[in-house]
Amino acid sequence: MDTARPPAPRPGAVLVRKLGVALAVIVVTSGAFAFVGTLDDPPATAPVAAGDEAPDAEPTAAPDEPTPSASAPRPEPEVTEKPAEPASDEPESEEPSDEPDPEPDPEPEPDPEPEPEEPAEEPAATIPPGDISIQVLDGYKADGGAAMRGVAEQLRGQGYRVVAENQAVDYRVTTVLWTQGNEAAARQVAAAIGAGDVRPQPGNLSESVSVHVVVGADRG
């Protein structure tokens, strides 16, 4: 006698059965994790009785003084401005410049001291004094002929040949006059007595002598 086979389950029933198994597994797993978390929690702190303070409890801040928060900005300390320093009289130092310092102007050389002039030397006598004939004339007269005689004696003492002493018109400056051809002799005689005026004779004097010396008031 053949045993009847049970009918094959329907697909919908199989799916419902699998979902039920999965849901049961999830519920069991969640319960296990909840139990483990309960074991890891620290014990609750025992309540503190009124009037008793915990030894490590921090004092409570006064109600009018708010407790500073870590996130709140701290007030910056007031900065007291320093009095301005008085300006210094010293000029500020200038920054060095890359430009080279200008070269100082060369100092002017001192003018050379003039050499002392040597006294003019009397020209050497080119004509022998004994070869020059001289007439000495008095052009001053106020001293009675003293100046004229003094010049005549000076010329004789130097070797000149004084041939005559006479009167003349008034002269302010002692003057040496030469006759024609005797200019060199006249200049030589003028240098011998220090006379500054030398010129040719005016034509009214004797031409028998080489030179005429008229003594003026400058010798008086």
C-alpha atoms as a PDB file:
ATOM      1  CA  MET A   1       0.000   0.000   0.000  1.00  0.00           C
ATOM      2  CA  ASP A   2       1.524   3.181  -1.150  1.00  0.00           C
ATOM      3  CA  THR A   3       2.123   5.937   1.470  1.00  0.00           C
ATOM      4  CA  ALA A   4       0.798   9.291   0.327  1.00  0.00           C
ATOM      5  CA  ARG A   5       3.478  12.000  -0.033  1.00  0.00           C
ATOM      6  CA  PRO A   6       2.786  15.265   1.784  1.00  0.00           C
ATOM      7  CA  PRO A   7       2.006  18.082  -0.502  1.00  0.00           C
ATOM      8  CA  ALA A   8       4.987  20.351  -1.500  1.00  0.00           C
ATOM      9  CA  PRO A   9       5.045  23.643   0.428  1.00  0.00           C
ATOM     10  CA  ARG A  10       4.176  26.736  -1.445  1.00  0.00           C
ATOM     11  CA  PRO A  11       6.886  29.288  -2.226  1.00  0.00           C
ATOM     12  CA  GLY A  12       5.168  32.028  -0.263  1.00  0.00           C
ATOM     13  CA  ALA A  13       5.143  29.989   2.884  1.00  0.00           C
ATOM     14  CA  VAL A  14       8.872  29.240   2.591  1.00  0.00           C
ATOM     15  CA  LEU A  15       9.721  32.967   2.297  1.00  0.00           C
ATOM     16  CA  VAL A  16       7.635  33.831   5.378  1.00  0.00           C
ATOM     17  CA  ARG A  17       9.378  31.112   7.352  1.00  0.00           C
ATOM     18  CA  LYS A  18      12.882  32.462   6.459  1.00  0.00           C
ATOM     19  CA  LEU A  19      11.938  35.999   7.403  1.00  0.00           C
ATOM     20  CA  GLY A  20      10.700  34.810  10.789  1.00  0.00           C
ATOM     21  CA  VAL A  21      13.992  33.009  11.476  1.00  0.00           C
ATOM     22  CA  ALA A  22      16.031  36.087  10.514  1.00  0.00           C
ATOM     23  CA  LEU A  23      13.931  38.308  12.761  1.00  0.00           C
ATOM     24  CA  ALA A  24      14.425  35.970  15.698  1.00  0.00           C
ATOM     25  CA  VAL A  25      18.201  36.016  15.206  1.00  0.00           C
ATOM     26  CA  ILE A  26      18.225  39.834  15.201  1.00  0.00           C
ATOM     27  CA  VAL A  27      16.185  40.003  18.410  1.00  0.00           C
ATOM     28  CA  VAL A  28      18.446  37.561  20.204  1.00  0.00           C
ATOM     29  CA  THR A  29      21.598  39.389  19.092  1.00  0.00           C
ATOM     30  CA  SER A  30      20.277  42.790  20.221  1.00  0.00           C
ATOM     31  CA  GLY A  31      19.422  41.423  23.659  1.00  0.00           C
ATOM     32  CA  ALA A  32      22.904  40.020  24.062  1.00  0.00           C
ATOM     33  CA  PHE A  33      24.588  43.407  23.204  1.00  0.00           C
ATOM     34  CA  ALA A  34      22.281  45.231  25.630  1.00  0.00           C
ATOM     35  CA  PHE A  35      23.251  42.867  28.430  1.00  0.00           C
ATOM     36  CA  VAL A  36      26.969  43.317  27.752  1.00  0.00           C
ATOM     37  CA  GLY A  37      26.570  47.151  27.794  1.00  0.00           C
ATOM     38  CA  THR A  38      24.871  46.997  31.159  1.00  0.00           C
ATOM     39  CA  LEU A  39      27.828  45.140  32.624  1.00  0.00           C
ATOM     40  CA  ASP A  40      30.303  47.790  31.355  1.00  0.00           C
ATOM     41  CA  ASP A  41      28.441  50.816  32.900  1.00  0.00           C
ATOM     42  CA  PRO A  42      30.164  52.245  36.084  1.00  0.00           C
ATOM     43  CA  PRO A  43      28.202  52.073  39.313  1.00  0.00           C
ATOM     44  CA  ALA A  44      26.035  55.054  40.031  1.00  0.00           C
ATOM     45  CA  THR A  45      27.410  57.646  42.419  1.00  0.00           C
ATOM     46  CA  ALA A  46      25.960  57.417  45.829  1.00  0.00           C
ATOM     47  CA  PRO A  47      23.729  60.340  46.692  1.00  0.00           C
ATOM     48  CA  VAL A  48      25.211  62.964  49.006  1.00  0.00           C
ATOM     49  CA  ALA A  49      23.177  63.827  52.031  1.00  0.00           C
ATOM     50  CA  ALA A  50      22.087  67.403  52.620  1.00  0.00           C
ATOM     51  CA  GLY A  51      24.704  69.374  54.528  1.00  0.00           C
ATOM     52  CA  ASP A  52      27.511  67.001  53.573  1.00  0.00           C
ATOM     53  CA  GLU A  53      30.029  68.058  50.932  1.00  0.00           C
ATOM     54  CA  ALA A  54      32.005  65.731  48.896  1.00  0.00           C
ATOM     55  CA  PRO A  55      35.656  66.030  49.820  1.00  0.00           C
ATOM     56  CA  ASP A  56      36.670  66.748  46.244  1.00  0.00           C
ATOM     57  CA  ALA A  57      33.744  68.975  45.353  1.00  0.00           C
ATOM     58  CA  GLU A  58      34.742  72.383  43.924  1.00  0.00           C
ATOM     59  CA  PRO A  59      33.186  75.423  45.609  1.00  0.00           C
ATOM     60  CA  THR A  60      30.213  76.811  43.867  1.00  0.00           C
ATOM     61  CA  ALA A  61      30.809  80.226  42.299  1.00  0.00           C
ATOM     62  CA  ALA A  62      28.947  83.141  43.803  1.00  0.00           C
ATOM     63  CA  PRO A  63      25.731  83.880  42.016  1.00  0.00           C
ATOM     64  CA  ASP A  64      26.830  87.438  41.137  1.00  0.00           C
ATOM     65  CA  GLU A  65      30.169  86.273  39.789  1.00  0.00           C
ATOM     66  CA  PRO A  66      29.609  84.146  36.712  1.00  0.00           C
ATOM     67  CA  THR A  67      31.867  81.194  36.347  1.00  0.00           C
ATOM     68  CA  PRO A  68      34.253  81.836  33.523  1.00  0.00           C
ATOM     69  CA  SER A  69      33.697  79.565  30.646  1.00  0.00           C
ATOM     70  CA  ALA A  70      36.504  77.992  28.780  1.00  0.00           C
ATOM     71  CA  SER A  71      35.024  79.125  25.524  1.00  0.00           C
ATOM     72  CA  ALA A  72      34.384  82.723  26.688  1.00  0.00           C
ATOM     73  CA  PRO A  73      37.152  85.184  25.686  1.00  0.00           C
ATOM     74  CA  ARG A  74      39.286  86.421  28.556  1.00  0.00           C
ATOM     75  CA  PRO A  75      39.298  90.163  29.075  1.00  0.00           C
ATOM     76  CA  GLU A  76      42.550  91.711  27.814  1.00  0.00           C
ATOM     77  CA  PRO A  77      44.570  93.610  30.421  1.00  0.00           C
ATOM     78  CA  GLU A  78      44.344  97.340  30.110  1.00  0.00           C
ATOM     79  CA  VAL A  79      47.384  98.824  28.444  1.00  0.00           C
ATOM     80  CA  THR A  80      48.593 102.006  30.024  1.00  0.00           C
ATOM     81  CA  GLU A  81      49.971 104.330  27.408  1.00  0.00           C
ATOM     82  CA  LYS A  82      53.495 105.479  28.119  1.00  0.00           C
ATOM     83  CA  PRO A  83      54.058 109.214  28.043  1.00  0.00           C
ATOM     84  CA  ALA A  84      55.540 110.373  24.788  1.00  0.00           C
ATOM     85  CA  GLU A  85      59.282 110.766  25.049  1.00  0.00           C
ATOM     86  CA  PRO A  86      60.543 114.309  24.457  1.00  0.00           C
ATOM     87  CA  ALA A  87      61.971 114.895  21.039  1.00  0.00           C
ATOM     88  CA  SER A  88      65.726 114.694  21.022  1.00  0.00           C
ATOM     89  CA  ASP A  89      67.731 117.707  19.896  1.00  0.00           C
ATOM     90  CA  GLU A  90      70.133 115.449  18.125  1.00  0.00           C
ATOM     91  CA  PRO A  91      69.376 115.026  14.419  1.00  0.00           C
ATOM     92  CA  GLU A  92      68.296 111.613  13.340  1.00  0.00           C
ATOM     93  CA  SER A  93      71.070 109.650  11.822  1.00  0.00           C
ATOM     94  CA  GLU A  94      70.751 109.389   8.119  1.00  0.00           C
ATOM     95  CA  GLU A  95      70.908 106.043   6.491  1.00  0.00           C
ATOM     96  CA  PRO A  96      74.188 105.483   4.701  1.00  0.00           C
ATOM     97  CA  SER A  97      73.939 106.175   1.033  1.00  0.00           C
ATOM     98  CA  ASP A  98      75.408 103.990  -1.619  1.00  0.00           C
ATOM     99  CA  GLU A  99      76.697 107.032  -3.432  1.00  0.00           C
ATOM    100  CA  PRO A 100      80.373 107.780  -2.780  1.00  0.00           C
ATOM    101  CA  ASP A 101      81.185 110.830  -0.716  1.00  0.00           C
ATOM    102  CA  PRO A 102      82.152 113.796  -2.880  1.00  0.00           C
ATOM    103  CA  GLU A 103      85.851 114.473  -2.895  1.00  0.00           C
ATOM    104  CA  PRO A 104      86.763 117.651  -1.040  1.00  0.00           C
ATOM    105  CA  ASP A 105      87.857 120.552  -3.133  1.00  0.00           C
ATOM    106  CA  PRO A 106      91.633 120.874  -3.212  1.00  0.00           C
ATOM    107  CA  GLU A 107      92.920 123.553  -0.948  1.00  0.00           C
ATOM    108  CA  PRO A 108      94.238 126.538  -2.841  1.00  0.00           C
ATOM    109  CA  GLU A 109      97.959 126.703  -2.863  1.00  0.00           C
ATOM    110  CA  PRO A 110      99.299 129.713  -1.021  1.00  0.00           C
ATOM    111  CA  ASP A 111     100.673 132.427  -3.189  1.00  0.00           C
ATOM    112  CA  PRO A 112     104.421 132.330  -3.239  1.00  0.00           C
ATOM    113  CA  GLU A 113     105.955 135.008  -1.123  1.00  0.00           C
ATOM    114  CA  PRO A 114     107.523 137.669  -3.226  1.00  0.00           C
ATOM    115  CA  GLU A 115     111.230 137.573  -3.102  1.00  0.00           C
ATOM    116  CA  PRO A 116     112.735 140.652  -1.575  1.00  0.00           C
ATOM    117  CA  GLU A 117     113.877 143.028  -4.199  1.00  0.00           C
ATOM    118  CA  GLU A 118     117.537 143.521  -4.232  1.00  0.00           C
ATOM    119  CA  PRO A 119     118.615 147.100  -4.197  1.00  0.00           C
ATOM    120  CA  ALA A 120     119.359 148.351  -7.615  1.00  0.00           C
ATOM    121  CA  GLU A 121     123.022 148.333  -8.205  1.00  0.00           C
ATOM    122  CA  GLU A 122     124.584 151.439  -9.554  1.00  0.00           C
ATOM    123  CA  PRO A 123     125.627 150.893 -13.117  1.00  0.00           C
ATOM    124  CA  ALA A 124     129.299 150.340 -13.436  1.00  0.00           C
ATOM    125  CA  ALA A 125     131.196 153.350 -14.735  1.00  0.00           C
ATOM    126  CA  THR A 126     131.786 152.708 -18.379  1.00  0.00           C
ATOM    127  CA  ILE A 127     133.432 156.060 -18.842  1.00  0.00           C
ATOM    128  CA  PRO A 128     136.419 156.999 -16.686  1.00  0.00           C
ATOM    129  CA  PRO A 129     135.223 159.762 -14.313  1.00  0.00           C
ATOM    130  CA  GLY A 130     138.303 161.854 -15.105  1.00  0.00           C
ATOM    131  CA  ASP A 131     137.223 162.024 -18.759  1.00  0.00           C
ATOM    132  CA  ILE A 132     133.894 163.705 -17.927  1.00  0.00           C
ATOM    133  CA  SER A 133     133.956 167.470 -17.432  1.00  0.00           C
ATOM    134  CA  ILE A 134     131.158 168.899 -15.250  1.00  0.00           C
ATOM    135  CA  GLN A 135     129.767 172.334 -14.479  1.00  0.00           C
ATOM    136  CA  VAL A 136     127.807 172.545 -11.205  1.00  0.00           C
ATOM    137  CA  LEU A 137     125.065 175.190 -11.096  1.00  0.00           C
ATOM    138  CA  ASP A 138     123.153 176.570  -8.069  1.00  0.00           C
ATOM    139  CA  GLY A 139     119.409 176.383  -8.705  1.00  0.00           C
ATOM    140  CA  TYR A 140     118.367 176.787  -5.049  1.00  0.00           C
ATOM    141  CA  LYS A 141     120.275 179.874  -3.684  1.00  0.00           C
ATOM    142  CA  ALA A 142     118.277 179.919  -0.431  1.00  0.00           C
ATOM    143  CA  ASP A 143     121.155 178.334   1.457  1.00  0.00           C
ATOM    144  CA  GLY A 144     123.851 180.620  -0.002  1.00  0.00           C
ATOM    145  CA  GLY A 145     125.214 177.934  -2.305  1.00  0.00           C
ATOM    146  CA  ALA A 146     125.831 175.294   0.386  1.00  0.00           C
ATOM    147  CA  ALA A 147     123.946 172.553  -1.474  1.00  0.00           C
ATOM    148  CA  MET A 148     125.743 173.319  -4.715  1.00  0.00           C
ATOM    149  CA  ARG A 149     129.160 173.112  -3.052  1.00  0.00           C
ATOM    150  CA  GLY A 150     128.221 169.860  -1.367  1.00  0.00           C
ATOM    151  CA  VAL A 151     127.361 168.210  -4.711  1.00  0.00           C
ATOM    152  CA  ALA A 152     130.549 169.522  -6.310  1.00  0.00           C
ATOM    153  CA  GLU A 153     132.659 168.039  -3.521  1.00  0.00           C
ATOM    154  CA  GLN A 154     130.810 164.695  -3.876  1.00  0.00           C
ATOM    155  CA  LEU A 155     131.629 164.526  -7.591  1.00  0.00           C
ATOM    156  CA  ARG A 156     135.243 165.430  -7.064  1.00  0.00           C
ATOM    157  CA  GLY A 157     135.520 162.755  -4.432  1.00  0.00           C
ATOM    158  CA  GLN A 158     134.369 160.163  -7.003  1.00  0.00           C
ATOM    159  CA  GLY A 159     137.019 161.280  -9.490  1.00  0.00           C
ATOM    160  CA  TYR A 160     134.911 163.432 -11.772  1.00  0.00           C
ATOM    161  CA  ARG A 161     136.415 166.607 -13.175  1.00  0.00           C
ATOM    162  CA  VAL A 162     134.397 169.590 -11.914  1.00  0.00           C
ATOM    163  CA  VAL A 163     135.537 172.616 -13.968  1.00  0.00           C
ATOM    164  CA  ALA A 164     133.097 175.345 -12.859  1.00  0.00           C
ATOM    165  CA  GLU A 165     130.532 176.360 -10.170  1.00  0.00           C
ATOM    166  CA  ASN A 166     127.997 179.024 -11.196  1.00  0.00           C
ATOM    167  CA  GLN A 167     124.466 180.383 -10.576  1.00  0.00           C
ATOM    168  CA  ALA A 168     121.364 179.274 -12.490  1.00  0.00           C
ATOM    169  CA  VAL A 169     117.660 179.816 -12.548  1.00  0.00           C
ATOM    170  CA  ASP A 170     115.631 178.180  -9.760  1.00  0.00           C
ATOM    171  CA  TYR A 171     115.114 174.376  -9.981  1.00  0.00           C
ATOM    172  CA  ARG A 172     112.957 172.370  -7.609  1.00  0.00           C
ATOM    173  CA  VAL A 173     114.588 169.053  -8.501  1.00  0.00           C
ATOM    174  CA  THR A 174     118.273 168.442  -9.100  1.00  0.00           C
ATOM    175  CA  THR A 175     118.690 167.866 -12.848  1.00  0.00           C
ATOM    176  CA  VAL A 176     121.550 166.553 -14.978  1.00  0.00           C
ATOM    177  CA  LEU A 177     121.829 168.025 -18.508  1.00  0.00           C
ATOM    178  CA  TRP A 178     124.035 166.689 -21.212  1.00  0.00           C
ATOM    179  CA  THR A 179     125.563 168.372 -24.188  1.00  0.00           C
ATOM    180  CA  GLN A 180     125.365 166.787 -27.593  1.00  0.00           C
ATOM    181  CA  GLY A 181     126.955 163.329 -27.697  1.00  0.00           C
ATOM    182  CA  ASN A 182     127.342 162.997 -23.918  1.00  0.00           C
ATOM    183  CA  GLU A 183     124.083 161.300 -22.843  1.00  0.00           C
ATOM    184  CA  ALA A 184     125.880 158.227 -21.471  1.00  0.00           C
ATOM    185  CA  ALA A 185     128.170 160.460 -19.413  1.00  0.00           C
ATOM    186  CA  ALA A 186     125.163 162.395 -18.028  1.00  0.00           C
ATOM    187  CA  ARG A 187     123.376 159.209 -16.931  1.00  0.00           C
ATOM    188  CA  GLN A 188     126.521 157.964 -15.278  1.00  0.00           C
ATOM    189  CA  VAL A 189     126.869 161.238 -13.317  1.00  0.00           C
ATOM    190  CA  ALA A 190     123.150 161.181 -12.342  1.00  0.00           C
ATOM    191  CA  ALA A 191     123.548 157.670 -10.912  1.00  0.00           C
ATOM    192  CA  ALA A 192     126.630 158.815  -8.987  1.00  0.00           C
ATOM    193  CA  ILE A 193     124.745 161.600  -7.123  1.00  0.00           C
ATOM    194  CA  GLY A 194     121.224 160.028  -7.079  1.00  0.00           C
ATOM    195  CA  ALA A 195     119.551 162.509  -9.432  1.00  0.00           C
ATOM    196  CA  GLY A 196     116.337 161.379 -11.126  1.00  0.00           C
ATOM    197  CA  ASP A 197     115.942 163.936 -13.904  1.00  0.00           C
ATOM    198  CA  VAL A 198     118.295 163.520 -16.881  1.00  0.00           C
ATOM    199  CA  ARG A 199     117.770 165.380 -20.179  1.00  0.00           C
ATOM    200  CA  PRO A 200     119.600 167.336 -22.876  1.00  0.00           C
ATOM    201  CA  GLN A 201     120.688 170.887 -22.063  1.00  0.00           C
ATOM    202  CA  PRO A 202     118.329 173.618 -23.387  1.00  0.00           C
ATOM    203  CA  GLY A 203     120.982 175.260 -25.636  1.00  0.00           C
ATOM    204  CA  ASN A 204     121.816 178.301 -23.524  1.00  0.00           C
ATOM    205  CA  LEU A 205     124.600 176.543 -21.635  1.00  0.00           C
ATOM    206  CA  SER A 206     128.210 176.087 -22.588  1.00  0.00           C
ATOM    207  CA  GLU A 207     129.059 173.168 -24.807  1.00  0.00           C
ATOM    208  CA  SER A 208     132.683 173.110 -23.658  1.00  0.00           C
ATOM    209  CA  VAL A 209     131.784 170.702 -20.848  1.00  0.00           C
ATOM    210  CA  SER A 210     130.274 167.273 -21.084  1.00  0.00           C
ATOM    211  CA  VAL A 211     127.622 167.580 -18.343  1.00  0.00           C
ATOM    212  CA  HIS A 212     125.817 170.336 -16.406  1.00  0.00           C
ATOM    213  CA  VAL A 213     124.484 169.550 -12.922  1.00  0.00           C
ATOM    214  CA  VAL A 214     121.828 171.984 -11.647  1.00  0.00           C
ATOM    215  CA  VAL A 215     121.341 171.571  -7.857  1.00  0.00           C
ATOM    216  CA  GLY A 216     117.642 172.114  -6.960  1.00  0.00           C
ATOM    217  CA  ALA A 217     115.644 172.781  -3.829  1.00  0.00           C
ATOM    218  CA  ASP A 218     115.399 169.039  -3.088  1.00  0.00           C
ATOM    219  CA  ARG A 219     119.038 169.199  -1.937  1.00  0.00           C
ATOM    220  CA  GLY A 220     118.541 172.207   0.317  1.00  0.00           C
END
